[in-house]
Amino acid sequence: MIAFIWISLAVLTAGYSLVLINDVVKHKDQLENSSWLKTGLIGFVVNFFDVLGIGAFAPQTALLKFSKQTEDRCCPAPQQWPTRFPYWCKP
């Protein structure tokens, strides 16, 4: 039963990743002009805060806004994928 759950999770994750990659490739000219390095560092910091129990949403919102990594109109969208990926990788 546990093997079935892990296999199902792997299949769903692979399917979702393919859809996400396909969408990024299809709409790459519509992506925001932001630094992947800065955004990655912000993600690392807020996930560290989340592990400490502080939470990730408020620090990430503040850091994204003050470093001008995203426009205000699409602030919630960048917070969905990067903060969920580490949780999917945890055993």
PDB file of N, CA and C in Angstrom:
ATOM      1  N   MET A   1       0.819  -1.202   0.000  1.00  0.00           N
ATOM      2  CA  MET A   1       0.000   0.000   0.000  1.00  0.00           C
ATOM      3  C   MET A   1       0.864   1.268   0.000  1.00  0.00           C
ATOM      4  N   ILE A   2       1.928   1.240   0.790  1.00  0.00           N
ATOM      5  CA  ILE A   2       2.799   2.418   0.843  1.00  0.00           C
ATOM      6  C   ILE A   2       3.522   2.606  -0.490  1.00  0.00           C
ATOM      7  N   ALA A   3       3.911   1.503  -1.114  1.00  0.00           N
ATOM      8  CA  ALA A   3       4.557   1.606  -2.429  1.00  0.00           C
ATOM      9  C   ALA A   3       3.589   2.224  -3.439  1.00  0.00           C
ATOM     10  N   PHE A   4       2.322   1.854  -3.367  1.00  0.00           N
ATOM     11  CA  PHE A   4       1.311   2.424  -4.263  1.00  0.00           C
ATOM     12  C   PHE A   4       1.191   3.932  -4.058  1.00  0.00           C
ATOM     13  N   ILE A   5       1.209   4.367  -2.813  1.00  0.00           N
ATOM     14  CA  ILE A   5       1.108   5.802  -2.516  1.00  0.00           C
ATOM     15  C   ILE A   5       2.318   6.547  -3.069  1.00  0.00           C
ATOM     16  N   TRP A   6       3.527   5.998  -2.873  1.00  0.00           N
ATOM     17  CA  TRP A   6       4.736   6.645  -3.378  1.00  0.00           C
ATOM     18  C   TRP A   6       4.752   6.692  -4.901  1.00  0.00           C
ATOM     19  N   ILE A   7       4.336   5.595  -5.522  1.00  0.00           N
ATOM     20  CA  ILE A   7       4.303   5.569  -6.983  1.00  0.00           C
ATOM     21  C   ILE A   7       3.274   6.563  -7.512  1.00  0.00           C
ATOM     22  N   SER A   8       2.109   6.622  -6.868  1.00  0.00           N
ATOM     23  CA  SER A   8       1.081   7.587  -7.273  1.00  0.00           C
ATOM     24  C   SER A   8       1.582   9.017  -7.123  1.00  0.00           C
ATOM     25  N   LEU A   9       2.257   9.288  -6.022  1.00  0.00           N
ATOM     26  CA  LEU A   9       2.808  10.625  -5.795  1.00  0.00           C
ATOM     27  C   LEU A   9       3.841  10.971  -6.860  1.00  0.00           C
ATOM     28  N   ALA A  10       4.699  10.013  -7.203  1.00  0.00           N
ATOM     29  CA  ALA A  10       5.721  10.259  -8.223  1.00  0.00           C
ATOM     30  C   ALA A  10       5.083  10.518  -9.586  1.00  0.00           C
ATOM     31  N   VAL A  11       4.063   9.745  -9.935  1.00  0.00           N
ATOM     32  CA  VAL A  11       3.387   9.926 -11.224  1.00  0.00           C
ATOM     33  C   VAL A  11       2.686  11.280 -11.276  1.00  0.00           C
ATOM     34  N   LEU A  12       1.983  11.640 -10.210  1.00  0.00           N
ATOM     35  CA  LEU A  12       1.292  12.932 -10.178  1.00  0.00           C
ATOM     36  C   LEU A  12       2.274  14.098 -10.213  1.00  0.00           C
ATOM     37  N   THR A  13       3.380  13.973  -9.495  1.00  0.00           N
ATOM     38  CA  THR A  13       4.393  15.030  -9.503  1.00  0.00           C
ATOM     39  C   THR A  13       5.018  15.174 -10.890  1.00  0.00           C
ATOM     40  N   ALA A  14       5.313  14.056 -11.533  1.00  0.00           N
ATOM     41  CA  ALA A  14       5.889  14.106 -12.888  1.00  0.00           C
ATOM     42  C   ALA A  14       4.892  14.722 -13.871  1.00  0.00           C
ATOM     43  N   GLY A  15       3.626  14.347 -13.771  1.00  0.00           N
ATOM     44  CA  GLY A  15       2.605  14.913 -14.651  1.00  0.00           C
ATOM     45  C   GLY A  15       2.449  16.405 -14.453  1.00  0.00           C
ATOM     46  N   TYR A  16       2.394  16.825 -13.183  1.00  0.00           N
ATOM     47  CA  TYR A  16       2.269  18.245 -12.888  1.00  0.00           C
ATOM     48  C   TYR A  16       3.493  19.012 -13.380  1.00  0.00           C
ATOM     49  N   SER A  17       4.670  18.427 -13.201  1.00  0.00           N
ATOM     50  CA  SER A  17       5.897  19.093 -13.648  1.00  0.00           C
ATOM     51  C   SER A  17       5.911  19.255 -15.169  1.00  0.00           C
ATOM     52  N   LEU A  18       5.452  18.237 -15.886  1.00  0.00           N
ATOM     53  CA  LEU A  18       5.395  18.344 -17.353  1.00  0.00           C
ATOM     54  C   LEU A  18       4.437  19.445 -17.792  1.00  0.00           C
ATOM     55  N   VAL A  19       3.279  19.539 -17.144  1.00  0.00           N
ATOM     56  CA  VAL A  19       2.323  20.594 -17.482  1.00  0.00           C
ATOM     57  C   VAL A  19       2.919  21.958 -17.173  1.00  0.00           C
ATOM     58  N   LEU A  20       3.586  22.086 -16.018  1.00  0.00           N
ATOM     59  CA  LEU A  20       4.195  23.363 -15.630  1.00  0.00           C
ATOM     60  C   LEU A  20       5.295  23.761 -16.613  1.00  0.00           C
ATOM     61  N   ILE A  21       6.175  22.835 -16.959  1.00  0.00           N
ATOM     62  CA  ILE A  21       7.269  23.140 -17.878  1.00  0.00           C
ATOM     63  C   ILE A  21       6.727  23.511 -19.254  1.00  0.00           C
ATOM     64  N   ASN A  22       5.721  22.791 -19.714  1.00  0.00           N
ATOM     65  CA  ASN A  22       5.101  23.090 -21.004  1.00  0.00           C
ATOM     66  C   ASN A  22       4.501  24.497 -21.001  1.00  0.00           C
ATOM     67  N   ASP A  23       3.845  24.869 -19.907  1.00  0.00           N
ATOM     68  CA  ASP A  23       3.244  26.197 -19.815  1.00  0.00           C
ATOM     69  C   ASP A  23       4.301  27.292 -19.773  1.00  0.00           C
ATOM     70  N   VAL A  24       5.400  27.061 -19.053  1.00  0.00           N
ATOM     71  CA  VAL A  24       6.478  28.049 -18.985  1.00  0.00           C
ATOM     72  C   VAL A  24       7.107  28.243 -20.359  1.00  0.00           C
ATOM     73  N   VAL A  25       7.344  27.152 -21.069  1.00  0.00           N
ATOM     74  CA  VAL A  25       7.937  27.251 -22.407  1.00  0.00           C
ATOM     75  C   VAL A  25       6.988  27.973 -23.362  1.00  0.00           C
ATOM     76  N   LYS A  26       5.695  27.673 -23.263  1.00  0.00           N
ATOM     77  CA  LYS A  26       4.719  28.276 -24.159  1.00  0.00           C
ATOM     78  C   LYS A  26       4.557  29.778 -23.907  1.00  0.00           C
ATOM     79  N   HIS A  27       4.676  30.205 -22.649  1.00  0.00           N
ATOM     80  CA  HIS A  27       4.438  31.613 -22.301  1.00  0.00           C
ATOM     81  C   HIS A  27       5.694  32.320 -21.804  1.00  0.00           C
ATOM     82  N   LYS A  28       6.869  31.897 -22.251  1.00  0.00           N
ATOM     83  CA  LYS A  28       8.098  32.497 -21.721  1.00  0.00           C
ATOM     84  C   LYS A  28       8.256  33.967 -22.076  1.00  0.00           C
ATOM     85  N   ASP A  29       7.598  34.444 -23.117  1.00  0.00           N
ATOM     86  CA  ASP A  29       7.680  35.861 -23.449  1.00  0.00           C
ATOM     87  C   ASP A  29       6.770  36.710 -22.564  1.00  0.00           C
ATOM     88  N   GLN A  30       5.891  36.071 -21.788  1.00  0.00           N
ATOM     89  CA  GLN A  30       4.977  36.797 -20.905  1.00  0.00           C
ATOM     90  C   GLN A  30       5.432  36.764 -19.447  1.00  0.00           C
ATOM     91  N   LEU A  31       6.564  36.121 -19.156  1.00  0.00           N
ATOM     92  CA  LEU A  31       7.048  36.040 -17.787  1.00  0.00           C
ATOM     93  C   LEU A  31       7.576  37.398 -17.326  1.00  0.00           C
ATOM     94  N   GLU A  32       7.532  37.597 -16.010  1.00  0.00           N
ATOM     95  CA  GLU A  32       8.063  38.842 -15.464  1.00  0.00           C
ATOM     96  C   GLU A  32       9.581  38.877 -15.597  1.00  0.00           C
ATOM     97  N   ASN A  33      10.118  40.068 -15.668  1.00  0.00           N
ATOM     98  CA  ASN A  33      11.563  40.249 -15.746  1.00  0.00           C
ATOM     99  C   ASN A  33      12.115  40.332 -14.325  1.00  0.00           C
ATOM    100  N   SER A  34      12.487  39.183 -13.746  1.00  0.00           N
ATOM    101  CA  SER A  34      13.020  39.159 -12.386  1.00  0.00           C
ATOM    102  C   SER A  34      14.230  38.230 -12.335  1.00  0.00           C
ATOM    103  N   SER A  35      15.036  38.422 -11.319  1.00  0.00           N
ATOM    104  CA  SER A  35      16.254  37.639 -11.154  1.00  0.00           C
ATOM    105  C   SER A  35      15.928  36.300 -10.496  1.00  0.00           C
ATOM    106  N   TRP A  36      16.306  35.221 -11.154  1.00  0.00           N
ATOM    107  CA  TRP A  36      16.058  33.891 -10.588  1.00  0.00           C
ATOM    108  C   TRP A  36      16.929  33.675  -9.359  1.00  0.00           C
ATOM    109  N   LEU A  37      18.111  34.272  -9.325  1.00  0.00           N
ATOM    110  CA  LEU A  37      18.999  34.124  -8.175  1.00  0.00           C
ATOM    111  C   LEU A  37      18.408  34.801  -6.948  1.00  0.00           C
ATOM    112  N   LYS A  38      17.950  36.047  -7.108  1.00  0.00           N
ATOM    113  CA  LYS A  38      17.343  36.756  -5.977  1.00  0.00           C
ATOM    114  C   LYS A  38      16.098  36.039  -5.483  1.00  0.00           C
ATOM    115  N   THR A  39      15.275  35.600  -6.415  1.00  0.00           N
ATOM    116  CA  THR A  39      14.049  34.905  -6.032  1.00  0.00           C
ATOM    117  C   THR A  39      14.377  33.590  -5.338  1.00  0.00           C
ATOM    118  N   GLY A  40      15.407  32.890  -5.798  1.00  0.00           N
ATOM    119  CA  GLY A  40      15.822  31.645  -5.151  1.00  0.00           C
ATOM    120  C   GLY A  40      16.341  31.876  -3.744  1.00  0.00           C
ATOM    121  N   LEU A  41      17.104  32.950  -3.554  1.00  0.00           N
ATOM    122  CA  LEU A  41      17.596  33.277  -2.216  1.00  0.00           C
ATOM    123  C   LEU A  41      16.450  33.653  -1.277  1.00  0.00           C
ATOM    124  N   ILE A  42      15.483  34.383  -1.803  1.00  0.00           N
ATOM    125  CA  ILE A  42      14.305  34.722  -0.997  1.00  0.00           C
ATOM    126  C   ILE A  42      13.573  33.447  -0.596  1.00  0.00           C
ATOM    127  N   GLY A  43      13.432  32.522  -1.534  1.00  0.00           N
ATOM    128  CA  GLY A  43      12.788  31.248  -1.229  1.00  0.00           C
ATOM    129  C   GLY A  43      13.541  30.460  -0.175  1.00  0.00           C
ATOM    130  N   PHE A  44      14.873  30.456  -0.256  1.00  0.00           N
ATOM    131  CA  PHE A  44      15.680  29.756   0.741  1.00  0.00           C
ATOM    132  C   PHE A  44      15.478  30.359   2.125  1.00  0.00           C
ATOM    133  N   VAL A  45      15.500  31.683   2.206  1.00  0.00           N
ATOM    134  CA  VAL A  45      15.350  32.361   3.490  1.00  0.00           C
ATOM    135  C   VAL A  45      13.972  32.109   4.083  1.00  0.00           C
ATOM    136  N   VAL A  46      12.928  32.250   3.283  1.00  0.00           N
ATOM    137  CA  VAL A  46      11.579  32.090   3.842  1.00  0.00           C
ATOM    138  C   VAL A  46      11.287  30.635   4.199  1.00  0.00           C
ATOM    139  N   ASN A  47      11.847  29.675   3.460  1.00  0.00           N
ATOM    140  CA  ASN A  47      11.667  28.281   3.862  1.00  0.00           C
ATOM    141  C   ASN A  47      12.416  27.979   5.151  1.00  0.00           C
ATOM    142  N   PHE A  48      13.561  28.631   5.356  1.00  0.00           N
ATOM    143  CA  PHE A  48      14.277  28.500   6.627  1.00  0.00           C
ATOM    144  C   PHE A  48      13.428  29.064   7.764  1.00  0.00           C
ATOM    145  N   PHE A  49      12.821  30.234   7.545  1.00  0.00           N
ATOM    146  CA  PHE A  49      11.927  30.805   8.553  1.00  0.00           C
ATOM    147  C   PHE A  49      10.742  29.883   8.818  1.00  0.00           C
ATOM    148  N   ASP A  50      10.241  29.237   7.778  1.00  0.00           N
ATOM    149  CA  ASP A  50       9.100  28.342   7.929  1.00  0.00           C
ATOM    150  C   ASP A  50       9.473  27.132   8.787  1.00  0.00           C
ATOM    151  N   VAL A  51      10.687  26.628   8.615  1.00  0.00           N
ATOM    152  CA  VAL A  51      11.146  25.505   9.436  1.00  0.00           C
ATOM    153  C   VAL A  51      11.243  25.922  10.900  1.00  0.00           C
ATOM    154  N   LEU A  52      11.633  27.162  11.140  1.00  0.00           N
ATOM    155  CA  LEU A  52      11.724  27.663  12.515  1.00  0.00           C
ATOM    156  C   LEU A  52      10.357  27.926  13.138  1.00  0.00           C
ATOM    157  N   GLY A  53       9.313  27.887  12.332  1.00  0.00           N
ATOM    158  CA  GLY A  53       7.965  28.109  12.848  1.00  0.00           C
ATOM    159  C   GLY A  53       7.469  29.524  12.687  1.00  0.00           C
ATOM    160  N   ILE A  54       8.237  30.379  12.050  1.00  0.00           N
ATOM    161  CA  ILE A  54       7.847  31.773  11.851  1.00  0.00           C
ATOM    162  C   ILE A  54       6.789  31.882  10.767  1.00  0.00           C
ATOM    163  N   GLY A  55       6.875  31.022   9.781  1.00  0.00           N
ATOM    164  CA  GLY A  55       5.963  31.082   8.647  1.00  0.00           C
ATOM    165  C   GLY A  55       6.686  31.593   7.423  1.00  0.00           C
ATOM    166  N   ALA A  56       6.058  31.419   6.269  1.00  0.00           N
ATOM    167  CA  ALA A  56       6.709  31.803   5.025  1.00  0.00           C
ATOM    168  C   ALA A  56       5.965  32.901   4.279  1.00  0.00           C
ATOM    169  N   PHE A  57       4.659  33.023   4.492  1.00  0.00           N
ATOM    170  CA  PHE A  57       3.878  33.922   3.649  1.00  0.00           C
ATOM    171  C   PHE A  57       4.248  35.393   3.866  1.00  0.00           C
ATOM    172  N   ALA A  58       4.252  35.858   5.097  1.00  0.00           N
ATOM    173  CA  ALA A  58       4.542  37.277   5.371  1.00  0.00           C
ATOM    174  C   ALA A  58       5.976  37.657   4.996  1.00  0.00           C
ATOM    175  N   PRO A  59       6.996  36.874   5.412  1.00  0.00           N
ATOM    176  CA  PRO A  59       8.357  37.245   4.995  1.00  0.00           C
ATOM    177  C   PRO A  59       8.539  37.219   3.483  1.00  0.00           C
ATOM    178  N   GLN A  60       7.918  36.241   2.814  1.00  0.00           N
ATOM    179  CA  GLN A  60       8.072  36.164   1.366  1.00  0.00           C
ATOM    180  C   GLN A  60       7.391  37.334   0.675  1.00  0.00           C
ATOM    181  N   THR A  61       6.203  37.696   1.141  1.00  0.00           N
ATOM    182  CA  THR A  61       5.501  38.840   0.561  1.00  0.00           C
ATOM    183  C   THR A  61       6.334  40.111   0.726  1.00  0.00           C
ATOM    184  N   ALA A  62       6.871  40.319   1.918  1.00  0.00           N
ATOM    185  CA  ALA A  62       7.668  41.519   2.181  1.00  0.00           C
ATOM    186  C   ALA A  62       8.939  41.534   1.336  1.00  0.00           C
ATOM    187  N   LEU A  63       9.658  40.421   1.305  1.00  0.00           N
ATOM    188  CA  LEU A  63      10.913  40.386   0.552  1.00  0.00           C
ATOM    189  C   LEU A  63      10.692  40.537  -0.949  1.00  0.00           C
ATOM    190  N   LEU A  64       9.633  39.914  -1.477  1.00  0.00           N
ATOM    191  CA  LEU A  64       9.346  40.058  -2.903  1.00  0.00           C
ATOM    192  C   LEU A  64       8.977  41.503  -3.249  1.00  0.00           C
ATOM    193  N   LYS A  65       8.214  42.138  -2.357  1.00  0.00           N
ATOM    194  CA  LYS A  65       7.793  43.513  -2.627  1.00  0.00           C
ATOM    195  C   LYS A  65       8.958  44.498  -2.505  1.00  0.00           C
ATOM    196  N   PHE A  66       9.748  44.383  -1.433  1.00  0.00           N
ATOM    197  CA  PHE A  66      10.826  45.344  -1.214  1.00  0.00           C
ATOM    198  C   PHE A  66      11.987  45.169  -2.186  1.00  0.00           C
ATOM    199  N   SER A  67      12.188  43.952  -2.680  1.00  0.00           N
ATOM    200  CA  SER A  67      13.258  43.752  -3.659  1.00  0.00           C
ATOM    201  C   SER A  67      12.760  43.913  -5.097  1.00  0.00           C
ATOM    202  N   LYS A  68      11.475  44.250  -5.237  1.00  0.00           N
ATOM    203  CA  LYS A  68      10.841  44.484  -6.545  1.00  0.00           C
ATOM    204  C   LYS A  68      11.017  43.289  -7.487  1.00  0.00           C
ATOM    205  N   GLN A  69      10.812  42.095  -6.944  1.00  0.00           N
ATOM    206  CA  GLN A  69      10.923  40.876  -7.735  1.00  0.00           C
ATOM    207  C   GLN A  69       9.620  40.501  -8.425  1.00  0.00           C
ATOM    208  N   THR A  70       8.523  41.092  -8.004  1.00  0.00           N
ATOM    209  CA  THR A  70       7.244  40.797  -8.630  1.00  0.00           C
ATOM    210  C   THR A  70       6.350  42.027  -8.563  1.00  0.00           C
ATOM    211  N   GLU A  71       5.412  42.094  -9.476  1.00  0.00           N
ATOM    212  CA  GLU A  71       4.453  43.189  -9.455  1.00  0.00           C
ATOM    213  C   GLU A  71       3.399  42.900  -8.394  1.00  0.00           C
ATOM    214  N   ASP A  72       2.797  43.946  -7.844  1.00  0.00           N
ATOM    215  CA  ASP A  72       1.795  43.759  -6.796  1.00  0.00           C
ATOM    216  C   ASP A  72       0.589  42.982  -7.290  1.00  0.00           C
ATOM    217  N   ARG A  73       0.251  43.134  -8.562  1.00  0.00           N
ATOM    218  CA  ARG A  73      -0.957  42.482  -9.070  1.00  0.00           C
ATOM    219  C   ARG A  73      -0.814  40.969  -9.132  1.00  0.00           C
ATOM    220  N   CYS A  74       0.410  40.458  -9.162  1.00  0.00           N
ATOM    221  CA  CYS A  74       0.587  39.000  -9.209  1.00  0.00           C
ATOM    222  C   CYS A  74       1.410  38.496  -8.026  1.00  0.00           C
ATOM    223  N   CYS A  75       1.290  39.152  -6.896  1.00  0.00           N
ATOM    224  CA  CYS A  75       2.074  38.746  -5.732  1.00  0.00           C
ATOM    225  C   CYS A  75       1.682  37.364  -5.186  1.00  0.00           C
ATOM    226  N   PRO A  76       0.404  36.993  -5.101  1.00  0.00           N
ATOM    227  CA  PRO A  76       0.110  35.656  -4.562  1.00  0.00           C
ATOM    228  C   PRO A  76       0.566  34.509  -5.466  1.00  0.00           C
ATOM    229  N   ALA A  77       0.592  34.709  -6.769  1.00  0.00           N
ATOM    230  CA  ALA A  77       0.931  33.617  -7.688  1.00  0.00           C
ATOM    231  C   ALA A  77       2.353  33.084  -7.497  1.00  0.00           C
ATOM    232  N   PRO A  78       3.386  33.935  -7.339  1.00  0.00           N
ATOM    233  CA  PRO A  78       4.734  33.383  -7.167  1.00  0.00           C
ATOM    234  C   PRO A  78       4.921  32.645  -5.857  1.00  0.00           C
ATOM    235  N   GLN A  79       3.963  32.756  -4.954  1.00  0.00           N
ATOM    236  CA  GLN A  79       4.116  32.100  -3.662  1.00  0.00           C
ATOM    237  C   GLN A  79       3.556  30.689  -3.652  1.00  0.00           C
ATOM    238  N   GLN A  80       2.935  30.246  -4.692  1.00  0.00           N
ATOM    239  CA  GLN A  80       2.327  28.920  -4.689  1.00  0.00           C
ATOM    240  C   GLN A  80       3.344  27.817  -4.974  1.00  0.00           C
ATOM    241  N   TRP A  81       4.038  27.876  -6.066  1.00  0.00           N
ATOM    242  CA  TRP A  81       4.935  26.802  -6.472  1.00  0.00           C
ATOM    243  C   TRP A  81       6.206  26.726  -5.624  1.00  0.00           C
ATOM    244  N   PRO A  82       6.959  27.823  -5.425  1.00  0.00           N
ATOM    245  CA  PRO A  82       8.246  27.679  -4.741  1.00  0.00           C
ATOM    246  C   PRO A  82       8.142  27.217  -3.299  1.00  0.00           C
ATOM    247  N   THR A  83       7.068  27.580  -2.613  1.00  0.00           N
ATOM    248  CA  THR A  83       6.977  27.172  -1.210  1.00  0.00           C
ATOM    249  C   THR A  83       6.396  25.784  -1.054  1.00  0.00           C
ATOM    250  N   ARG A  84       5.814  25.211  -2.074  1.00  0.00           N
ATOM    251  CA  ARG A  84       5.246  23.862  -1.976  1.00  0.00           C
ATOM    252  C   ARG A  84       6.255  22.794  -2.371  1.00  0.00           C
ATOM    253  N   PHE A  85       7.173  23.107  -3.260  1.00  0.00           N
ATOM    254  CA  PHE A  85       8.113  22.101  -3.757  1.00  0.00           C
ATOM    255  C   PHE A  85       8.927  21.440  -2.645  1.00  0.00           C
ATOM    256  N   PRO A  86       9.484  22.181  -1.669  1.00  0.00           N
ATOM    257  CA  PRO A  86      10.236  21.511  -0.602  1.00  0.00           C
ATOM    258  C   PRO A  86       9.371  20.543   0.204  1.00  0.00           C
ATOM    259  N   TYR A  87       8.092  20.841   0.360  1.00  0.00           N
ATOM    260  CA  TYR A  87       7.228  19.945   1.113  1.00  0.00           C
ATOM    261  C   TYR A  87       6.966  18.654   0.345  1.00  0.00           C
ATOM    262  N   TRP A  88       6.930  18.732  -0.963  1.00  0.00           N
ATOM    263  CA  TRP A  88       6.711  17.526  -1.760  1.00  0.00           C
ATOM    264  C   TRP A  88       7.932  16.621  -1.700  1.00  0.00           C
ATOM    265  N   CYS A  89       9.106  17.187  -1.491  1.00  0.00           N
ATOM    266  CA  CYS A  89      10.337  16.388  -1.483  1.00  0.00           C
ATOM    267  C   CYS A  89      10.625  15.774  -0.133  1.00  0.00           C
ATOM    268  N   LYS A  90       9.925  16.194   0.905  1.00  0.00           N
ATOM    269  CA  LYS A  90      10.177  15.641   2.239  1.00  0.00           C
ATOM    270  C   LYS A  90       9.597  14.235   2.326  1.00  0.00           C
ATOM    271  N   PRO A  91      10.303  13.311   2.952  1.00  0.00           N
ATOM    272  CA  PRO A  91       9.720  11.970   3.156  1.00  0.00           C
ATOM    273  C   PRO A  91       8.716  11.971   4.277  1.00  0.00           C
TER     274      PRO A  91
END
